[in-house]
Every structure is written in structure tokens, then in C-alpha cells.
Amino acid sequence: MESRDEKLQQLSVGVAAIVAATPGLVTGDVVAIVTGLGGALIASVVENVRARTKRLDDAVRDALADDRLRARFDETVKTDEFFALYVRSRDTAAKSEKEHKLRYIRNFLVHSLIAPTSIEPDKERYLRLLDELSLRELEHFIGFCQMVVPSAGSPTIAQWLEKPSRTGAIISSFACRALGLPESTSSVAVNDLTAELVVSFRHLHSAGLLDGINTRAGGDMFHFETNGFTPKFLRFVIDPF
């Protein structure tokens, strides 16, 4: 049986091979691509795509060399499944317009290698959600969870994830917190952010990440709550270390 270090080395070699073997738009000769497609704008787009995937590649290499990951590595992980996720994650990174989203993609890949998230049988579902949700929506989701968790009796996200329970809040309360204002503050800024948040949280609701409860007959304001799927997805996107 392969040792932990041997399997991690195998993963590192595999990642390097995938990067080296990926043809065309991402890792190919930019000059040749631009010659075929034409235009300085195309050159800029191609360079941005390459830069995003390179940053993800570097982040994954760094994670595989990190002693904290090595100590928590699940030796039962199937390397072929991880490589398939990695290839698809690079595609998600290439499509993302926000560099900071790469952090969440990296977190997903690391969590796919460490327990308990490593044993999740449907990791593709979580990757699809990462692809579907915008950076803003991901940050709203994480920020909302960080706000409501203390009301469930758990001072930290990590402790709540050990024994999650349903908890929620009115979106306007979250808007006030995001703006650094006392709860129930009424202002144009709060109202504008609340309107934006309602749109984002409706999407999070439709994706199954939160439950929405209409608290006004007109449907303009919502109370959202965590549900059974909330902690499962949250585990994959929070920092693993």
C-alpha cells in the first residue's frame, strides 16, 4: 500500500502533468492563438485566462506541499477522481472574472483531499455550485452564516459545523452588519444593500443553500435560515487551515 507521502507525491506529479498537457487556450502559445483569432483584445482575454489558471495551479501545488494538509490527508482518496475534479476546477477558474474566487476553488480542492469532506460522494455537485454562484453571492453566503451562527450557541463556524442547527436572520439585519451600522438602522445605503441581498439570497435559496421565509405580504423582505445542506457546502468553501 502506498504511504501518505507517496500518494501526495503522486498527486503533485499528476497536477504538474495536467498543467503541462493542457493544450490551446489556457497553456498554449498565446502568439499562435492570437494569430488564429486576431486582435489585441483577444490577446488580453487569453492572458487573463492563463493568469487565473496559473494562480490556481500554484495554489494547489502549495497546498500539496503544506505540512498541514499532509497531516490531514485522507489516504483513501482516489487520485483519478481528484484529477477529474482538478481539471474541471481549472475550467471554473478560467471562467471566473474575480481573482478572489480562486481562493474558494482552492479550498474546494483541498477539502476534497481531507476528512470529513473527502468522503463526500457527490463532490461534483459542490463544484457545480462554485461555478454557478458569483463571488459576491459566495461572500454573502459565508458572511450570513458567520452572522447567524452565534445565535445557535456556537461561537465559531468550526464549532457550529460539528453540530449544526437551523438558524437565521432578517436580510436587513445582515445589511446593517455589512455596513457596520447598528441593527434596525434605516438609511438609503441599508435599503439599497438589502435590495441587492434579496436578489442574491433568492438565488442561494433556489440553489438549496438557504431557506427563505417571506415576512411581508408584498414579498419585499425575507427572513432566511440555514438548512441541512448549508453546512455541507460551507465546509467545502471555508479555509481548511
C-alpha atoms as a PDB file:
ATOM      1  CA  MET A   1       0.000   0.000   0.000  1.00  0.00           C
ATOM      2  CA  GLU A   2       1.232   3.486  -0.847  1.00  0.00           C
ATOM      3  CA  SER A   3       2.331   5.670   2.032  1.00  0.00           C
ATOM      4  CA  ARG A   4       0.810   9.080   2.661  1.00  0.00           C
ATOM      5  CA  ASP A   5       3.879  10.846   1.240  1.00  0.00           C
ATOM      6  CA  GLU A   6       3.982   8.602  -1.811  1.00  0.00           C
ATOM      7  CA  LYS A   7       0.350   9.308  -2.621  1.00  0.00           C
ATOM      8  CA  LEU A   8       0.774  13.039  -2.143  1.00  0.00           C
ATOM      9  CA  GLN A   9       3.803  12.918  -4.425  1.00  0.00           C
ATOM     10  CA  GLN A  10       1.699  11.074  -6.982  1.00  0.00           C
ATOM     11  CA  LEU A  11      -0.919  13.835  -6.772  1.00  0.00           C
ATOM     12  CA  SER A  12       1.736  16.519  -7.194  1.00  0.00           C
ATOM     13  CA  VAL A  13       3.182  14.790 -10.262  1.00  0.00           C
ATOM     14  CA  GLY A  14      -0.308  14.337 -11.697  1.00  0.00           C
ATOM     15  CA  VAL A  15      -1.164  18.004 -11.222  1.00  0.00           C
ATOM     16  CA  ALA A  16       2.062  19.007 -12.979  1.00  0.00           C
ATOM     17  CA  ALA A  17       1.275  16.626 -15.825  1.00  0.00           C
ATOM     18  CA  ILE A  18      -2.224  18.053 -16.264  1.00  0.00           C
ATOM     19  CA  VAL A  19      -0.862  21.591 -16.412  1.00  0.00           C
ATOM     20  CA  ALA A  20       1.802  20.601 -18.936  1.00  0.00           C
ATOM     21  CA  ALA A  21      -0.602  18.627 -21.092  1.00  0.00           C
ATOM     22  CA  THR A  22      -3.443  21.158 -21.278  1.00  0.00           C
ATOM     23  CA  PRO A  23      -3.448  22.466 -24.851  1.00  0.00           C
ATOM     24  CA  GLY A  24      -4.678  25.534 -26.634  1.00  0.00           C
ATOM     25  CA  LEU A  25      -6.333  28.491 -24.982  1.00  0.00           C
ATOM     26  CA  VAL A  26      -5.021  28.109 -21.448  1.00  0.00           C
ATOM     27  CA  THR A  27      -1.448  26.870 -21.706  1.00  0.00           C
ATOM     28  CA  GLY A  28      -0.677  27.074 -25.409  1.00  0.00           C
ATOM     29  CA  ASP A  29       1.358  29.595 -27.345  1.00  0.00           C
ATOM     30  CA  VAL A  30      -0.501  32.905 -26.970  1.00  0.00           C
ATOM     31  CA  VAL A  31       1.072  34.318 -30.119  1.00  0.00           C
ATOM     32  CA  ALA A  32      -0.230  31.396 -32.174  1.00  0.00           C
ATOM     33  CA  ILE A  33      -3.678  31.712 -30.647  1.00  0.00           C
ATOM     34  CA  VAL A  34      -3.863  35.434 -31.339  1.00  0.00           C
ATOM     35  CA  THR A  35      -2.684  34.843 -34.900  1.00  0.00           C
ATOM     36  CA  GLY A  36      -5.590  32.485 -35.369  1.00  0.00           C
ATOM     37  CA  LEU A  37      -8.205  34.607 -33.608  1.00  0.00           C
ATOM     38  CA  GLY A  38      -6.833  38.069 -34.239  1.00  0.00           C
ATOM     39  CA  GLY A  39      -6.844  41.249 -32.187  1.00  0.00           C
ATOM     40  CA  ALA A  40      -5.251  42.756 -29.107  1.00  0.00           C
ATOM     41  CA  LEU A  41      -8.477  42.270 -27.134  1.00  0.00           C
ATOM     42  CA  ILE A  42      -8.289  38.516 -27.672  1.00  0.00           C
ATOM     43  CA  ALA A  43      -4.675  38.562 -26.521  1.00  0.00           C
ATOM     44  CA  SER A  44      -5.702  40.314 -23.302  1.00  0.00           C
ATOM     45  CA  VAL A  45      -8.512  37.827 -22.655  1.00  0.00           C
ATOM     46  CA  VAL A  46      -6.216  34.856 -23.258  1.00  0.00           C
ATOM     47  CA  GLU A  47      -3.565  36.263 -20.934  1.00  0.00           C
ATOM     48  CA  ASN A  48      -6.153  36.803 -18.198  1.00  0.00           C
ATOM     49  CA  VAL A  49      -7.417  33.230 -18.545  1.00  0.00           C
ATOM     50  CA  ARG A  50      -3.890  31.870 -18.391  1.00  0.00           C
ATOM     51  CA  ALA A  51      -3.109  34.006 -15.338  1.00  0.00           C
ATOM     52  CA  ARG A  52      -6.166  32.774 -13.448  1.00  0.00           C
ATOM     53  CA  THR A  53      -5.487  29.108 -14.116  1.00  0.00           C
ATOM     54  CA  LYS A  54      -1.805  29.581 -13.263  1.00  0.00           C
ATOM     55  CA  ARG A  55      -2.725  31.113  -9.900  1.00  0.00           C
ATOM     56  CA  LEU A  56      -4.964  28.137  -9.171  1.00  0.00           C
ATOM     57  CA  ASP A  57      -2.221  25.728 -10.252  1.00  0.00           C
ATOM     58  CA  ASP A  58       0.258  27.458  -7.949  1.00  0.00           C
ATOM     59  CA  ALA A  59      -2.216  27.430  -5.052  1.00  0.00           C
ATOM     60  CA  VAL A  60      -2.855  23.693  -5.466  1.00  0.00           C
ATOM     61  CA  ARG A  61       0.883  22.950  -5.642  1.00  0.00           C
ATOM     62  CA  ASP A  62       1.446  24.989  -2.484  1.00  0.00           C
ATOM     63  CA  ALA A  63      -1.371  23.145  -0.709  1.00  0.00           C
ATOM     64  CA  LEU A  64       0.028  19.745  -1.652  1.00  0.00           C
ATOM     65  CA  ALA A  65       3.382  20.792  -0.187  1.00  0.00           C
ATOM     66  CA  ASP A  66       1.829  22.196   3.001  1.00  0.00           C
ATOM     67  CA  ASP A  67       2.526  20.124   6.120  1.00  0.00           C
ATOM     68  CA  ARG A  68      -0.931  20.978   7.494  1.00  0.00           C
ATOM     69  CA  LEU A  69      -2.577  19.305   4.510  1.00  0.00           C
ATOM     70  CA  ARG A  70      -0.178  16.387   4.636  1.00  0.00           C
ATOM     71  CA  ALA A  71      -1.105  15.788   8.279  1.00  0.00           C
ATOM     72  CA  ARG A  72      -4.847  15.696   7.472  1.00  0.00           C
ATOM     73  CA  PHE A  73      -4.639  13.978   4.092  1.00  0.00           C
ATOM     74  CA  ASP A  74      -7.132  11.149   3.590  1.00  0.00           C
ATOM     75  CA  GLU A  75      -5.110   8.256   2.191  1.00  0.00           C
ATOM     76  CA  THR A  76      -8.247   6.610   0.796  1.00  0.00           C
ATOM     77  CA  VAL A  77      -8.722   9.435  -1.743  1.00  0.00           C
ATOM     78  CA  LYS A  78      -8.803   8.130  -5.315  1.00  0.00           C
ATOM     79  CA  THR A  79      -6.264  10.024  -7.374  1.00  0.00           C
ATOM     80  CA  ASP A  80      -8.166   9.656 -10.661  1.00  0.00           C
ATOM     81  CA  GLU A  81     -11.265  11.241  -9.102  1.00  0.00           C
ATOM     82  CA  PHE A  82      -9.203  14.134  -7.739  1.00  0.00           C
ATOM     83  CA  PHE A  83      -7.572  14.724 -11.134  1.00  0.00           C
ATOM     84  CA  ALA A  84     -11.014  14.842 -12.785  1.00  0.00           C
ATOM     85  CA  LEU A  85     -12.153  17.431 -10.223  1.00  0.00           C
ATOM     86  CA  TYR A  86      -8.952  19.380 -10.711  1.00  0.00           C
ATOM     87  CA  VAL A  87      -9.388  19.579 -14.483  1.00  0.00           C
ATOM     88  CA  ARG A  88     -12.952  20.824 -14.056  1.00  0.00           C
ATOM     89  CA  SER A  89     -11.875  23.262 -11.346  1.00  0.00           C
ATOM     90  CA  ARG A  90      -9.362  24.810 -13.748  1.00  0.00           C
ATOM     91  CA  ASP A  91     -12.226  25.382 -16.170  1.00  0.00           C
ATOM     92  CA  THR A  92     -14.216  27.094 -13.389  1.00  0.00           C
ATOM     93  CA  ALA A  93     -11.179  29.245 -12.575  1.00  0.00           C
ATOM     94  CA  ALA A  94     -10.761  30.207 -16.233  1.00  0.00           C
ATOM     95  CA  LYS A  95     -14.390  31.373 -16.423  1.00  0.00           C
ATOM     96  CA  SER A  96     -14.329  33.336 -13.183  1.00  0.00           C
ATOM     97  CA  GLU A  97     -13.935  37.076 -13.602  1.00  0.00           C
ATOM     98  CA  LYS A  98     -12.881  37.618  -9.983  1.00  0.00           C
ATOM     99  CA  GLU A  99      -9.446  36.517  -8.787  1.00  0.00           C
ATOM    100  CA  HIS A 100     -10.623  36.124  -5.192  1.00  0.00           C
ATOM    101  CA  LYS A 101     -12.973  33.326  -6.268  1.00  0.00           C
ATOM    102  CA  LEU A 102      -9.850  31.228  -6.876  1.00  0.00           C
ATOM    103  CA  ARG A 103      -9.484  31.014  -3.099  1.00  0.00           C
ATOM    104  CA  TYR A 104     -12.802  29.183  -2.826  1.00  0.00           C
ATOM    105  CA  ILE A 105     -11.921  26.866  -5.710  1.00  0.00           C
ATOM    106  CA  ARG A 106      -8.609  26.073  -3.998  1.00  0.00           C
ATOM    107  CA  ASN A 107     -10.456  25.446  -0.736  1.00  0.00           C
ATOM    108  CA  PHE A 108     -12.810  23.040  -2.508  1.00  0.00           C
ATOM    109  CA  LEU A 109      -9.897  21.042  -3.917  1.00  0.00           C
ATOM    110  CA  VAL A 110      -8.129  20.882  -0.541  1.00  0.00           C
ATOM    111  CA  HIS A 111     -11.319  19.773   1.210  1.00  0.00           C
ATOM    112  CA  SER A 112     -11.714  17.009  -1.376  1.00  0.00           C
ATOM    113  CA  LEU A 113      -8.439  15.578  -0.015  1.00  0.00           C
ATOM    114  CA  ILE A 114      -9.042  15.854   3.746  1.00  0.00           C
ATOM    115  CA  ALA A 115     -11.649  14.256   6.006  1.00  0.00           C
ATOM    116  CA  PRO A 116     -14.553  14.515   6.535  1.00  0.00           C
ATOM    117  CA  THR A 117     -15.246  16.277   3.224  1.00  0.00           C
ATOM    118  CA  SER A 118     -13.029  13.830   1.324  1.00  0.00           C
ATOM    119  CA  ILE A 119     -15.630  11.082   1.764  1.00  0.00           C
ATOM    120  CA  GLU A 120     -18.467  13.119   0.228  1.00  0.00           C
ATOM    121  CA  PRO A 121     -19.669  11.011  -2.736  1.00  0.00           C
ATOM    122  CA  ASP A 122     -21.106  13.886  -4.793  1.00  0.00           C
ATOM    123  CA  LYS A 123     -18.301  16.450  -4.935  1.00  0.00           C
ATOM    124  CA  GLU A 124     -19.339  17.366  -8.472  1.00  0.00           C
ATOM    125  CA  ARG A 125     -22.451  18.988  -7.024  1.00  0.00           C
ATOM    126  CA  TYR A 126     -20.360  21.337  -4.906  1.00  0.00           C
ATOM    127  CA  LEU A 127     -18.126  22.212  -7.845  1.00  0.00           C
ATOM    128  CA  ARG A 128     -21.180  22.989  -9.981  1.00  0.00           C
ATOM    129  CA  LEU A 129     -22.384  25.381  -7.288  1.00  0.00           C
ATOM    130  CA  LEU A 130     -18.976  27.073  -7.179  1.00  0.00           C
ATOM    131  CA  ASP A 131     -19.243  27.506 -10.921  1.00  0.00           C
ATOM    132  CA  GLU A 132     -22.807  28.828 -10.748  1.00  0.00           C
ATOM    133  CA  LEU A 133     -22.504  31.271  -7.847  1.00  0.00           C
ATOM    134  CA  SER A 134     -20.806  34.634  -8.256  1.00  0.00           C
ATOM    135  CA  LEU A 135     -18.057  35.762  -5.909  1.00  0.00           C
ATOM    136  CA  ARG A 136     -20.476  38.256  -4.382  1.00  0.00           C
ATOM    137  CA  GLU A 137     -23.039  35.525  -3.697  1.00  0.00           C
ATOM    138  CA  LEU A 138     -20.424  33.264  -2.137  1.00  0.00           C
ATOM    139  CA  GLU A 139     -19.266  36.044   0.155  1.00  0.00           C
ATOM    140  CA  HIS A 140     -22.850  36.947   1.083  1.00  0.00           C
ATOM    141  CA  PHE A 141     -23.496  33.280   1.913  1.00  0.00           C
ATOM    142  CA  ILE A 142     -20.396  32.912   4.096  1.00  0.00           C
ATOM    143  CA  GLY A 143     -20.940  36.280   5.779  1.00  0.00           C
ATOM    144  CA  PHE A 144     -24.556  35.441   6.592  1.00  0.00           C
ATOM    145  CA  CYS A 145     -23.531  32.115   8.130  1.00  0.00           C
ATOM    146  CA  GLN A 146     -20.868  33.869  10.205  1.00  0.00           C
ATOM    147  CA  MET A 147     -23.514  36.292  11.475  1.00  0.00           C
ATOM    148  CA  VAL A 148     -26.222  33.790  12.426  1.00  0.00           C
ATOM    149  CA  VAL A 149     -24.056  31.007  13.856  1.00  0.00           C
ATOM    150  CA  PRO A 150     -23.542  32.672  17.279  1.00  0.00           C
ATOM    151  CA  SER A 151     -27.316  32.761  17.749  1.00  0.00           C
ATOM    152  CA  ALA A 152     -27.267  28.961  17.542  1.00  0.00           C
ATOM    153  CA  GLY A 153     -24.984  28.786  20.587  1.00  0.00           C
ATOM    154  CA  SER A 154     -21.761  28.157  18.643  1.00  0.00           C
ATOM    155  CA  PRO A 155     -19.168  30.946  18.882  1.00  0.00           C
ATOM    156  CA  THR A 156     -17.337  29.867  15.722  1.00  0.00           C
ATOM    157  CA  ILE A 157     -18.205  28.391  12.338  1.00  0.00           C
ATOM    158  CA  ALA A 158     -15.957  25.396  13.033  1.00  0.00           C
ATOM    159  CA  GLN A 159     -17.855  24.548  16.222  1.00  0.00           C
ATOM    160  CA  TRP A 160     -21.218  25.006  14.512  1.00  0.00           C
ATOM    161  CA  LEU A 161     -20.167  22.646  11.726  1.00  0.00           C
ATOM    162  CA  GLU A 162     -19.557  19.947  14.321  1.00  0.00           C
ATOM    163  CA  LYS A 163     -23.198  20.139  15.390  1.00  0.00           C
ATOM    164  CA  PRO A 164     -25.161  22.424  13.039  1.00  0.00           C
ATOM    165  CA  SER A 165     -28.680  23.608  13.837  1.00  0.00           C
ATOM    166  CA  ARG A 166     -31.149  25.800  11.969  1.00  0.00           C
ATOM    167  CA  THR A 167     -30.605  29.493  12.495  1.00  0.00           C
ATOM    168  CA  GLY A 168     -31.438  32.623  10.533  1.00  0.00           C
ATOM    169  CA  ALA A 169     -31.989  36.359  10.370  1.00  0.00           C
ATOM    170  CA  ILE A 170     -33.728  39.151   8.518  1.00  0.00           C
ATOM    171  CA  ILE A 171     -31.753  40.291   5.493  1.00  0.00           C
ATOM    172  CA  SER A 172     -31.875  43.940   6.578  1.00  0.00           C
ATOM    173  CA  SER A 173     -30.022  42.933   9.765  1.00  0.00           C
ATOM    174  CA  PHE A 174     -27.275  41.411   7.646  1.00  0.00           C
ATOM    175  CA  ALA A 175     -27.148  44.575   5.514  1.00  0.00           C
ATOM    176  CA  CYS A 176     -26.665  46.705   8.634  1.00  0.00           C
ATOM    177  CA  ARG A 177     -23.873  44.459   9.842  1.00  0.00           C
ATOM    178  CA  ALA A 178     -22.155  44.503   6.446  1.00  0.00           C
ATOM    179  CA  LEU A 179     -22.198  48.313   6.537  1.00  0.00           C
ATOM    180  CA  GLY A 180     -21.008  48.464  10.140  1.00  0.00           C
ATOM    181  CA  LEU A 181     -24.252  50.019  11.371  1.00  0.00           C
ATOM    182  CA  PRO A 182     -26.453  49.207  14.378  1.00  0.00           C
ATOM    183  CA  GLU A 183     -29.206  46.697  13.659  1.00  0.00           C
ATOM    184  CA  SER A 184     -32.520  48.241  12.527  1.00  0.00           C
ATOM    185  CA  THR A 185     -30.762  51.325  11.126  1.00  0.00           C
ATOM    186  CA  SER A 186     -32.852  52.861   8.371  1.00  0.00           C
ATOM    187  CA  SER A 187     -30.916  54.560   5.586  1.00  0.00           C
ATOM    188  CA  VAL A 188     -30.620  54.702   1.814  1.00  0.00           C
ATOM    189  CA  ALA A 189     -27.422  52.615   1.955  1.00  0.00           C
ATOM    190  CA  VAL A 190     -29.097  49.901   4.040  1.00  0.00           C
ATOM    191  CA  ASN A 191     -32.130  49.831   1.785  1.00  0.00           C
ATOM    192  CA  ASP A 192     -30.000  49.623  -1.369  1.00  0.00           C
ATOM    193  CA  LEU A 193     -27.840  46.812   0.021  1.00  0.00           C
ATOM    194  CA  THR A 194     -30.916  44.981   1.307  1.00  0.00           C
ATOM    195  CA  ALA A 195     -32.429  45.068  -2.190  1.00  0.00           C
ATOM    196  CA  GLU A 196     -29.204  43.622  -3.617  1.00  0.00           C
ATOM    197  CA  LEU A 197     -29.048  40.964  -0.907  1.00  0.00           C
ATOM    198  CA  VAL A 198     -32.623  39.832  -1.523  1.00  0.00           C
ATOM    199  CA  VAL A 199     -31.725  39.078  -5.152  1.00  0.00           C
ATOM    200  CA  SER A 200     -28.596  37.162  -4.112  1.00  0.00           C
ATOM    201  CA  PHE A 201     -30.350  35.239  -1.372  1.00  0.00           C
ATOM    202  CA  ARG A 202     -33.203  34.246  -3.645  1.00  0.00           C
ATOM    203  CA  HIS A 203     -30.545  32.632  -5.826  1.00  0.00           C
ATOM    204  CA  LEU A 204     -28.962  30.939  -2.794  1.00  0.00           C
ATOM    205  CA  HIS A 205     -32.444  29.721  -1.873  1.00  0.00           C
ATOM    206  CA  SER A 206     -33.069  28.334  -5.363  1.00  0.00           C
ATOM    207  CA  ALA A 207     -29.707  26.524  -5.169  1.00  0.00           C
ATOM    208  CA  GLY A 208     -30.816  24.871  -1.920  1.00  0.00           C
ATOM    209  CA  LEU A 209     -28.216  26.560   0.270  1.00  0.00           C
ATOM    210  CA  LEU A 210     -30.642  28.557   2.426  1.00  0.00           C
ATOM    211  CA  ASP A 211     -34.362  28.504   3.154  1.00  0.00           C
ATOM    212  CA  GLY A 212     -36.317  31.705   2.626  1.00  0.00           C
ATOM    213  CA  ILE A 213     -39.345  32.800   4.644  1.00  0.00           C
ATOM    214  CA  ASN A 214     -41.471  35.652   3.385  1.00  0.00           C
ATOM    215  CA  THR A 215     -42.047  38.039   6.287  1.00  0.00           C
ATOM    216  CA  ARG A 216     -44.057  40.690   4.485  1.00  0.00           C
ATOM    217  CA  ALA A 217     -47.199  40.273   2.410  1.00  0.00           C
ATOM    218  CA  GLY A 218     -45.635  42.115  -0.521  1.00  0.00           C
ATOM    219  CA  GLY A 219     -42.613  39.837  -0.532  1.00  0.00           C
ATOM    220  CA  ASP A 220     -40.065  42.656  -0.361  1.00  0.00           C
ATOM    221  CA  MET A 221     -38.249  41.463   2.754  1.00  0.00           C
ATOM    222  CA  PHE A 222     -37.117  37.981   3.635  1.00  0.00           C
ATOM    223  CA  HIS A 223     -36.016  36.034   6.642  1.00  0.00           C
ATOM    224  CA  PHE A 224     -33.518  33.363   5.606  1.00  0.00           C
ATOM    225  CA  GLU A 225     -32.446  30.297   7.539  1.00  0.00           C
ATOM    226  CA  THR A 226     -29.750  27.688   7.243  1.00  0.00           C
ATOM    227  CA  ASN A 227     -30.823  24.156   6.373  1.00  0.00           C
ATOM    228  CA  GLY A 228     -29.315  20.674   6.233  1.00  0.00           C
ATOM    229  CA  PHE A 229     -27.356  21.391   3.061  1.00  0.00           C
ATOM    230  CA  THR A 230     -25.917  24.696   4.288  1.00  0.00           C
ATOM    231  CA  PRO A 231     -23.109  23.202   6.428  1.00  0.00           C
ATOM    232  CA  LYS A 232     -22.249  20.611   3.786  1.00  0.00           C
ATOM    233  CA  PHE A 233     -21.464  23.260   1.189  1.00  0.00           C
ATOM    234  CA  LEU A 234     -19.949  25.649   3.732  1.00  0.00           C
ATOM    235  CA  ARG A 235     -17.363  23.008   4.700  1.00  0.00           C
ATOM    236  CA  PHE A 236     -16.093  22.940   1.119  1.00  0.00           C
ATOM    237  CA  VAL A 237     -15.589  26.689   0.708  1.00  0.00           C
ATOM    238  CA  ILE A 238     -14.222  27.886   4.063  1.00  0.00           C
ATOM    239  CA  ASP A 239     -10.472  27.981   4.593  1.00  0.00           C
ATOM    240  CA  PRO A 240      -9.248  24.482   5.503  1.00  0.00           C
ATOM    241  CA  PHE A 241      -6.408  25.657   7.748  1.00  0.00           C
END
